[in-house]
Every structure is written in C-alpha cells, then in structure tokens.
C-alpha atoms as a PDB file:
ATOM      1  CA  MET A   1    -153.784   3.442 -84.542  1.00  0.00           C
ATOM      2  CA  ALA A   2    -152.365  -0.042 -84.082  1.00  0.00           C
ATOM      3  CA  PRO A   3    -151.270  -1.798 -87.308  1.00  0.00           C
ATOM      4  CA  ARG A   4    -153.552  -4.492 -88.740  1.00  0.00           C
ATOM      5  CA  TYR A   5    -150.880  -7.124 -88.104  1.00  0.00           C
ATOM      6  CA  ARG A   6    -149.048  -6.174 -84.943  1.00  0.00           C
ATOM      7  CA  ASN A   7    -146.963  -9.354 -85.085  1.00  0.00           C
ATOM      8  CA  LEU A   8    -145.087 -10.147 -88.272  1.00  0.00           C
ATOM      9  CA  ILE A   9    -143.479 -13.587 -88.091  1.00  0.00           C
ATOM     10  CA  PHE A  10    -140.895 -14.425 -90.747  1.00  0.00           C
ATOM     11  CA  ASP A  11    -139.235 -17.558 -91.995  1.00  0.00           C
ATOM     12  CA  LEU A  12    -135.483 -16.972 -92.316  1.00  0.00           C
ATOM     13  CA  ASP A  13    -133.856 -18.860 -95.186  1.00  0.00           C
ATOM     14  CA  ASP A  14    -134.866 -17.573 -98.625  1.00  0.00           C
ATOM     15  CA  THR A  15    -137.330 -15.207 -96.969  1.00  0.00           C
ATOM     16  CA  LEU A  16    -134.932 -12.814 -95.230  1.00  0.00           C
ATOM     17  CA  ILE A  17    -131.584 -14.203 -96.411  1.00  0.00           C
ATOM     18  CA  ALA A  18    -130.856 -15.734 -99.820  1.00  0.00           C
ATOM     19  CA  SER A  19    -129.726 -19.186 -98.761  1.00  0.00           C
ATOM     20  CA  PHE A  20    -130.504 -21.648-101.506  1.00  0.00           C
ATOM     21  CA  PRO A  21    -127.977 -20.703-104.224  1.00  0.00           C
ATOM     22  CA  GLN A  22    -125.037 -20.935-101.821  1.00  0.00           C
ATOM     23  CA  TYR A  23    -126.489 -23.929 -99.976  1.00  0.00           C
ATOM     24  CA  ALA A  24    -126.871 -25.831-103.252  1.00  0.00           C
ATOM     25  CA  ALA A  25    -123.414 -24.894-104.520  1.00  0.00           C
ATOM     26  CA  MET A  26    -121.785 -26.000-101.266  1.00  0.00           C
ATOM     27  CA  HIS A  27    -123.589 -29.340-101.156  1.00  0.00           C
ATOM     28  CA  GLN A  28    -122.825 -30.109-104.789  1.00  0.00           C
ATOM     29  CA  ARG A  29    -119.166 -29.168-104.274  1.00  0.00           C
ATOM     30  CA  ILE A  30    -118.740 -31.424-101.244  1.00  0.00           C
ATOM     31  CA  ALA A  31    -120.538 -34.312-102.949  1.00  0.00           C
ATOM     32  CA  THR A  32    -118.187 -33.999-105.925  1.00  0.00           C
ATOM     33  CA  GLU A  33    -115.095 -33.871-103.705  1.00  0.00           C
ATOM     34  CA  LEU A  34    -116.179 -36.983-101.778  1.00  0.00           C
ATOM     35  CA  GLY A  35    -117.264 -38.973-104.817  1.00  0.00           C
ATOM     36  CA  LEU A  36    -120.906 -39.004-103.784  1.00  0.00           C
ATOM     37  CA  ARG A  37    -123.817 -38.808-106.191  1.00  0.00           C
ATOM     38  CA  VAL A  38    -124.365 -35.085-106.843  1.00  0.00           C
ATOM     39  CA  PRO A  39    -127.961 -34.146-106.043  1.00  0.00           C
ATOM     40  CA  SER A  40    -129.848 -31.987-108.517  1.00  0.00           C
ATOM     41  CA  LEU A  41    -131.157 -28.531-107.668  1.00  0.00           C
ATOM     42  CA  ASP A  42    -134.675 -29.962-107.459  1.00  0.00           C
ATOM     43  CA  GLU A  43    -133.485 -32.558-104.943  1.00  0.00           C
ATOM     44  CA  LEU A  44    -131.640 -29.942-102.924  1.00  0.00           C
ATOM     45  CA  ALA A  45    -134.781 -27.794-102.789  1.00  0.00           C
ATOM     46  CA  ASP A  46    -136.602 -30.657-101.046  1.00  0.00           C
ATOM     47  CA  TYR A  47    -135.614 -29.895 -97.457  1.00  0.00           C
ATOM     48  CA  ARG A  48    -136.867 -32.483 -94.964  1.00  0.00           C
ATOM     49  CA  THR A  49    -137.666 -32.075 -91.253  1.00  0.00           C
ATOM     50  CA  THR A  50    -133.997 -31.666 -90.338  1.00  0.00           C
ATOM     51  CA  TRP A  51    -130.775 -31.165 -92.245  1.00  0.00           C
ATOM     52  CA  THR A  52    -129.382 -34.600 -91.342  1.00  0.00           C
ATOM     53  CA  GLU A  53    -132.627 -36.220 -92.469  1.00  0.00           C
ATOM     54  CA  THR A  54    -132.282 -34.304 -95.727  1.00  0.00           C
ATOM     55  CA  LEU A  55    -128.709 -35.518 -96.224  1.00  0.00           C
ATOM     56  CA  ALA A  56    -129.736 -39.105 -95.482  1.00  0.00           C
ATOM     57  CA  HIS A  57    -132.377 -38.808 -98.193  1.00  0.00           C
ATOM     58  CA  TYR A  58    -129.706 -37.823-100.737  1.00  0.00           C
ATOM     59  CA  TRP A  59    -127.312 -40.592 -99.729  1.00  0.00           C
ATOM     60  CA  PRO A  60    -129.142 -43.491 -98.044  1.00  0.00           C
ATOM     61  CA  ASP A  61    -127.041 -46.256 -96.509  1.00  0.00           C
ATOM     62  CA  THR A  62    -124.010 -43.952 -96.576  1.00  0.00           C
ATOM     63  CA  SER A  63    -122.114 -42.604 -93.585  1.00  0.00           C
ATOM     64  CA  LEU A  64    -122.667 -38.868 -93.344  1.00  0.00           C
ATOM     65  CA  GLU A  65    -119.580 -38.267 -91.221  1.00  0.00           C
ATOM     66  CA  PRO A  66    -117.216 -37.383 -94.122  1.00  0.00           C
ATOM     67  CA  PHE A  67    -119.771 -34.935 -95.523  1.00  0.00           C
ATOM     68  CA  LEU A  68    -120.391 -33.319 -92.137  1.00  0.00           C
ATOM     69  CA  ALA A  69    -116.664 -32.971 -91.484  1.00  0.00           C
ATOM     70  CA  ARG A  70    -116.024 -31.357 -94.850  1.00  0.00           C
ATOM     71  CA  TYR A  71    -119.026 -29.082 -94.386  1.00  0.00           C
ATOM     72  CA  GLU A  72    -117.496 -27.719 -91.179  1.00  0.00           C
ATOM     73  CA  GLU A  73    -114.315 -26.926 -93.091  1.00  0.00           C
ATOM     74  CA  VAL A  74    -115.935 -24.977 -95.930  1.00  0.00           C
ATOM     75  CA  ALA A  75    -119.255 -23.631 -94.607  1.00  0.00           C
ATOM     76  CA  ASP A  76    -117.949 -20.211 -93.673  1.00  0.00           C
ATOM     77  CA  GLU A  77    -116.648 -19.682 -97.214  1.00  0.00           C
ATOM     78  CA  TYR A  78    -120.274 -19.401 -98.337  1.00  0.00           C
ATOM     79  CA  VAL A  79    -122.007 -16.184 -97.326  1.00  0.00           C
ATOM     80  CA  TYR A  80    -125.783 -16.016 -97.569  1.00  0.00           C
ATOM     81  CA  PRO A  81    -126.674 -12.401 -98.429  1.00  0.00           C
ATOM     82  CA  ALA A  82    -129.797 -10.578 -97.349  1.00  0.00           C
ATOM     83  CA  ILE A  83    -132.691 -10.580 -99.795  1.00  0.00           C
ATOM     84  CA  ASP A  84    -132.512  -7.319-101.750  1.00  0.00           C
ATOM     85  CA  GLY A  85    -134.262  -4.524 -99.889  1.00  0.00           C
ATOM     86  CA  ILE A  86    -134.958  -6.589 -96.781  1.00  0.00           C
ATOM     87  CA  LEU A  87    -132.934  -4.483 -94.351  1.00  0.00           C
ATOM     88  CA  ALA A  88    -134.763  -1.274 -95.221  1.00  0.00           C
ATOM     89  CA  ALA A  89    -138.073  -3.136 -95.082  1.00  0.00           C
ATOM     90  CA  MET A  90    -137.424  -4.479 -91.577  1.00  0.00           C
ATOM     91  CA  HIS A  91    -136.487  -1.028 -90.308  1.00  0.00           C
ATOM     92  CA  THR A  92    -139.633   0.444 -91.870  1.00  0.00           C
ATOM     93  CA  LEU A  93    -141.803  -2.179 -90.193  1.00  0.00           C
ATOM     94  CA  ARG A  94    -140.208  -1.508 -86.830  1.00  0.00           C
ATOM     95  CA  GLU A  95    -140.768   2.218 -87.285  1.00  0.00           C
ATOM     96  CA  ARG A  96    -144.443   1.446 -87.876  1.00  0.00           C
ATOM     97  CA  GLU A  97    -144.543  -0.341 -84.513  1.00  0.00           C
ATOM     98  CA  HIS A  98    -144.840  -3.879 -85.812  1.00  0.00           C
ATOM     99  CA  ARG A  99    -143.301  -6.579 -83.629  1.00  0.00           C
ATOM    100  CA  LEU A 100    -141.005  -8.768 -85.710  1.00  0.00           C
ATOM    101  CA  TRP A 101    -140.276 -12.446 -85.065  1.00  0.00           C
ATOM    102  CA  ILE A 102    -138.473 -15.318 -86.784  1.00  0.00           C
ATOM    103  CA  VAL A 103    -139.630 -18.948 -86.732  1.00  0.00           C
ATOM    104  CA  THR A 104    -137.250 -21.103 -88.771  1.00  0.00           C
ATOM    105  CA  LYS A 105    -136.360 -24.743 -89.359  1.00  0.00           C
ATOM    106  CA  ARG A 106    -132.705 -23.720 -89.236  1.00  0.00           C
ATOM    107  CA  SER A 107    -130.903 -24.976 -86.161  1.00  0.00           C
ATOM    108  CA  SER A 108    -129.176 -22.582 -83.805  1.00  0.00           C
ATOM    109  CA  ARG A 109    -125.849 -23.719 -85.279  1.00  0.00           C
ATOM    110  CA  ARG A 110    -124.579 -20.823 -87.439  1.00  0.00           C
ATOM    111  CA  LEU A 111    -127.906 -18.990 -87.241  1.00  0.00           C
ATOM    112  CA  SER A 112    -126.379 -15.871 -85.687  1.00  0.00           C
ATOM    113  CA  ALA A 113    -123.360 -16.066 -87.960  1.00  0.00           C
ATOM    114  CA  ARG A 114    -125.532 -16.298 -91.084  1.00  0.00           C
ATOM    115  CA  MET A 115    -127.656 -13.334 -89.988  1.00  0.00           C
ATOM    116  CA  GLN A 116    -124.617 -11.273 -89.061  1.00  0.00           C
ATOM    117  CA  ALA A 117    -122.903 -11.982 -92.387  1.00  0.00           C
ATOM    118  CA  ALA A 118    -126.086 -10.904 -94.184  1.00  0.00           C
ATOM    119  CA  GLY A 119    -126.310  -7.730 -92.125  1.00  0.00           C
ATOM    120  CA  VAL A 120    -129.729  -8.669 -90.739  1.00  0.00           C
ATOM    121  CA  GLU A 121    -129.672  -7.302 -87.206  1.00  0.00           C
ATOM    122  CA  GLU A 122    -130.965  -9.699 -84.564  1.00  0.00           C
ATOM    123  CA  SER A 123    -131.939  -6.694 -82.451  1.00  0.00           C
ATOM    124  CA  LEU A 124    -134.741  -5.916 -84.908  1.00  0.00           C
ATOM    125  CA  PHE A 125    -136.633  -9.001 -83.746  1.00  0.00           C
ATOM    126  CA  GLU A 126    -138.579  -9.590 -80.555  1.00  0.00           C
ATOM    127  CA  GLY A 127    -137.659 -13.267 -80.711  1.00  0.00           C
ATOM    128  CA  ILE A 128    -135.784 -15.661 -83.014  1.00  0.00           C
ATOM    129  CA  PHE A 129    -136.824 -19.291 -82.620  1.00  0.00           C
ATOM    130  CA  PRO A 130    -134.721 -21.986 -84.315  1.00  0.00           C
ATOM    131  CA  LEU A 131    -135.505 -25.669 -84.574  1.00  0.00           C
ATOM    132  CA  GLU A 132    -134.336 -26.513 -81.058  1.00  0.00           C
ATOM    133  CA  GLN A 133    -136.736 -24.049 -79.418  1.00  0.00           C
ATOM    134  CA  GLN A 134    -139.875 -25.392 -81.111  1.00  0.00           C
ATOM    135  CA  PRO A 135    -141.818 -28.378 -79.714  1.00  0.00           C
ATOM    136  CA  VAL A 136    -142.459 -29.526 -83.292  1.00  0.00           C
ATOM    137  CA  THR A 137    -141.243 -27.877 -86.463  1.00  0.00           C
ATOM    138  CA  LYS A 138    -143.105 -26.810 -89.596  1.00  0.00           C
ATOM    139  CA  PRO A 139    -145.562 -27.661 -91.032  1.00  0.00           C
ATOM    140  CA  ASP A 140    -146.915 -28.426 -87.551  1.00  0.00           C
ATOM    141  CA  PRO A 141    -148.577 -25.259 -86.191  1.00  0.00           C
ATOM    142  CA  ARG A 142    -147.011 -25.862 -82.789  1.00  0.00           C
ATOM    143  CA  CYS A 143    -143.838 -24.361 -84.250  1.00  0.00           C
ATOM    144  CA  PHE A 144    -145.343 -20.977 -83.305  1.00  0.00           C
ATOM    145  CA  GLU A 145    -145.742 -21.809 -79.616  1.00  0.00           C
ATOM    146  CA  PRO A 146    -142.561 -19.917 -78.606  1.00  0.00           C
ATOM    147  CA  VAL A 147    -144.090 -16.758 -80.094  1.00  0.00           C
ATOM    148  CA  TRP A 148    -147.410 -17.292 -78.310  1.00  0.00           C
ATOM    149  CA  ASP A 149    -145.564 -17.972 -75.060  1.00  0.00           C
ATOM    150  CA  ALA A 150    -143.643 -14.712 -75.431  1.00  0.00           C
ATOM    151  CA  LEU A 151    -146.864 -12.824 -76.154  1.00  0.00           C
ATOM    152  CA  GLY A 152    -148.782 -14.469 -73.326  1.00  0.00           C
ATOM    153  CA  GLY A 153    -151.385 -16.017 -75.633  1.00  0.00           C
ATOM    154  CA  ARG A 154    -152.237 -17.173 -79.171  1.00  0.00           C
ATOM    155  CA  ALA A 155    -152.509 -13.829 -80.949  1.00  0.00           C
ATOM    156  CA  VAL A 156    -153.354 -15.396 -84.314  1.00  0.00           C
ATOM    157  CA  GLU A 157    -155.760 -12.709 -85.516  1.00  0.00           C
ATOM    158  CA  GLU A 158    -153.174  -9.956 -85.206  1.00  0.00           C
ATOM    159  CA  SER A 159    -150.302 -12.073 -86.548  1.00  0.00           C
ATOM    160  CA  LEU A 160    -149.083 -12.848 -90.059  1.00  0.00           C
ATOM    161  CA  TYR A 161    -146.531 -15.438 -91.141  1.00  0.00           C
ATOM    162  CA  VAL A 162    -144.297 -14.695 -94.141  1.00  0.00           C
ATOM    163  CA  GLY A 163    -142.475 -17.549 -95.869  1.00  0.00           C
ATOM    164  CA  ASP A 164    -141.267 -18.958 -99.168  1.00  0.00           C
ATOM    165  CA  ARG A 165    -142.373 -22.607 -98.939  1.00  0.00           C
ATOM    166  CA  ARG A 166    -145.624 -24.508 -98.976  1.00  0.00           C
ATOM    167  CA  GLU A 167    -144.853 -25.893 -95.513  1.00  0.00           C
ATOM    168  CA  ASP A 168    -144.790 -22.297 -94.249  1.00  0.00           C
ATOM    169  CA  MET A 169    -148.288 -21.793 -95.611  1.00  0.00           C
ATOM    170  CA  LEU A 170    -149.515 -25.074 -94.134  1.00  0.00           C
ATOM    171  CA  ALA A 171    -148.159 -24.205 -90.687  1.00  0.00           C
ATOM    172  CA  ALA A 172    -149.745 -20.751 -90.693  1.00  0.00           C
ATOM    173  CA  ARG A 173    -153.103 -21.945 -91.943  1.00  0.00           C
ATOM    174  CA  ALA A 174    -153.181 -24.862 -89.496  1.00  0.00           C
ATOM    175  CA  ALA A 175    -152.611 -22.323 -86.721  1.00  0.00           C
ATOM    176  CA  GLY A 176    -155.532 -20.218 -87.988  1.00  0.00           C
ATOM    177  CA  MET A 177    -153.169 -17.433 -88.991  1.00  0.00           C
ATOM    178  CA  ASN A 178    -153.025 -15.506 -92.251  1.00  0.00           C
ATOM    179  CA  PHE A 179    -150.077 -16.229 -94.532  1.00  0.00           C
ATOM    180  CA  LEU A 180    -148.100 -14.145 -96.990  1.00  0.00           C
ATOM    181  CA  GLY A 181    -146.024 -16.076 -99.505  1.00  0.00           C
ATOM    182  CA  VAL A 182    -142.883 -14.869-101.270  1.00  0.00           C
ATOM    183  CA  ARG A 183    -141.281 -16.109-104.490  1.00  0.00           C
ATOM    184  CA  SER A 184    -137.679 -15.625-103.335  1.00  0.00           C
ATOM    185  CA  GLY A 185    -137.053 -19.301-102.477  1.00  0.00           C
ATOM    186  CA  PRO A 186    -136.408 -22.357-104.652  1.00  0.00           C
ATOM    187  CA  GLU A 187    -140.136 -23.170-104.871  1.00  0.00           C
ATOM    188  CA  GLN A 188    -140.665 -19.706-106.430  1.00  0.00           C
ATOM    189  CA  GLY A 189    -144.238 -19.566-105.169  1.00  0.00           C
ATOM    190  CA  LYS A 190    -145.313 -22.421-107.445  1.00  0.00           C
ATOM    191  CA  THR A 191    -146.275 -24.761-104.601  1.00  0.00           C
ATOM    192  CA  PHE A 192    -148.708 -22.516-102.723  1.00  0.00           C
ATOM    193  CA  GLY A 193    -151.548 -23.548-105.026  1.00  0.00           C
ATOM    194  CA  ALA A 194    -155.116 -22.322-104.720  1.00  0.00           C
ATOM    195  CA  ASP A 195    -154.737 -22.205-100.927  1.00  0.00           C
ATOM    196  CA  THR A 196    -152.870 -18.897-101.252  1.00  0.00           C
ATOM    197  CA  PRO A 197    -154.572 -16.199-103.379  1.00  0.00           C
ATOM    198  CA  ASN A 198    -152.489 -14.065-105.707  1.00  0.00           C
ATOM    199  CA  THR A 199    -153.103 -11.083-103.435  1.00  0.00           C
ATOM    200  CA  HIS A 200    -151.069 -12.941-100.799  1.00  0.00           C
ATOM    201  CA  ILE A 201    -148.012 -13.807-102.907  1.00  0.00           C
ATOM    202  CA  LEU A 202    -145.225 -11.231-103.272  1.00  0.00           C
ATOM    203  CA  GLU A 203    -141.926 -11.227-105.117  1.00  0.00           C
ATOM    204  CA  SER A 204    -140.057 -10.864-101.834  1.00  0.00           C
ATOM    205  CA  ALA A 205    -140.463  -9.937 -98.198  1.00  0.00           C
ATOM    206  CA  ALA A 206    -139.024  -6.524 -99.058  1.00  0.00           C
ATOM    207  CA  ASP A 207    -142.496  -5.776-100.455  1.00  0.00           C
ATOM    208  CA  VAL A 208    -144.258  -6.411 -97.123  1.00  0.00           C
ATOM    209  CA  PRO A 209    -144.354  -2.739 -95.999  1.00  0.00           C
ATOM    210  CA  ASP A 210    -146.158  -1.670 -99.188  1.00  0.00           C
ATOM    211  CA  TRP A 211    -148.488  -4.682 -99.064  1.00  0.00           C
ATOM    212  CA  LEU A 212    -149.563  -3.801 -95.536  1.00  0.00           C
ATOM    213  CA  LEU A 213    -150.626  -0.364 -96.748  1.00  0.00           C
ATOM    214  CA  SER A 214    -152.657  -1.700 -99.680  1.00  0.00           C
ATOM    215  CA  SER A 215    -156.406  -1.093 -99.682  1.00  0.00           C
ATOM    216  CA  HIS A 216    -156.959  -4.850 -99.718  1.00  0.00           C
ATOM    217  CA  VAL A 217    -155.269  -5.262 -96.352  1.00  0.00           C
ATOM    218  CA  LEU A 218    -156.573  -2.078 -94.759  1.00  0.00           C
ATOM    219  CA  HIS A 219    -160.215  -2.681 -95.624  1.00  0.00           C
ATOM    220  CA  ASN A 220    -160.837  -6.336 -96.544  1.00  0.00           C
ATOM    221  CA  GLU A 221    -158.381  -8.561 -94.686  1.00  0.00           C
ATOM    222  CA  ARG A 222    -159.978 -11.148 -92.411  1.00  0.00           C
ATOM    223  CA  PRO A 223    -158.537 -14.010 -90.337  1.00  0.00           C
ATOM    224  CA  CYS A 224    -157.897 -17.071 -92.471  1.00  0.00           C
ATOM    225  CA  PRO A 225    -159.824 -20.240 -91.549  1.00  0.00           C
ATOM    226  CA  PRO A 226    -157.614 -23.264 -90.826  1.00  0.00           C
ATOM    227  CA  LEU A 227    -157.062 -25.684 -93.705  1.00  0.00           C
ATOM    228  CA  PHE A 228    -157.608 -28.672 -91.402  1.00  0.00           C
END
C-alpha cells in the first residue's frame, strides 16, 4: 500500500540541520570584530528573502564587503549539526518508500558542505533545490516548481512540506499542500498561529515517521485548502 504522503518535502536549516545557534554566534562574532552594531538573536532570526538582503537590513548604508570577506575566513569553523534523531528518521522514511526532497532558501554555496558536515546524506533525497533553482523563493508557492517538474506534475495531494518557519507554512498552504511544522527553529513554532493545528506541529522532524503512522493521519487527513 502506497504511503499517504508519497512525497515528503523538507526545509533544510533548523528542520534537518541545527543552523541558527551557530549562524547567530558567527554573525555576532564578526560584527564585534568589525565594530558593527551587534544584532540581537531576535533580529538574527528574521531572515529576509536572501542572505545579503538580511545583512543589509542589519547594517543599512554600510558596505557589506568586510563582513562577507571575514565570513569566508571563519565560516567553516562553525559546524551545523543534524537535528537529533534526523538521520534515523530519514532512513526510516526511505525504507517506507517515501520520496524525500529538500526545498530551501539556502543558496547552493556551502549547501553540500553543511549537509556533509552534519552527516545528512544527499543520496537520501530525490532532489535538493536551493535558492538558485527556484523561480521564486518562499513564501511564494512557486518555490516548489522544481519538485513538480521532477515529478511530471503538481502532486500536491500526495505531498507534505515540513518546515520550522511561518513562511514555510505560507508557501505550502498557498500551493494547496498540507504542512507539518516543527519547533526546532528560532521561531519555535510560535508563529504558525491558528493556521496550523496542534496536530500538525511537532517538536522536530525526527518525529515525522511516528506522526505518519498516527490514526489522525491514516484515517482523517485531507488536502489542506489554500490560505489565499
């Protein structure tokens, strides 16, 4: 019997790998070294459309070149580990014949290196689509077009998106796809609001295999209507 959600699409940062603590520490360190205003953790959690746009929001009217140069020097000192239990969970899902995908706002720069350092095997995934491979990034639902292209059609009813941010939820719902939120990111699930029921918010993506076997999913799950 085919699984209820044949296609499981995951966000990457703070969904599969624990990015934010190291990301924040690195940015605060570089800001201190360069004499820039040090952004708070709340500010650092507010990731914009792209990384450079995010940096420009922290330091408007400031050249980003010194920051970018220093980042290149120290970035590899900061290893983003896998979310606890995620490796076993991904293998379990593959064994159950789910097709796994990644759709992320991360650029292709260091994507493979970050996954390799975390021990998250790229071979587990049918496709990994960074920022550059999406026509528009989240929360625009067109971010999923590379997945639909690979599948030969918009398989929204048999697909589920798993992510840690409200923009992940907005993208999935705008695409007409069900969404599963996780509390492992800096938003800690607090921004999903009433649009995501408690039955669809987990502590981490490591809990996805058990959630898929719950009676709620097996007997009651229906396609989610778009928010817009």
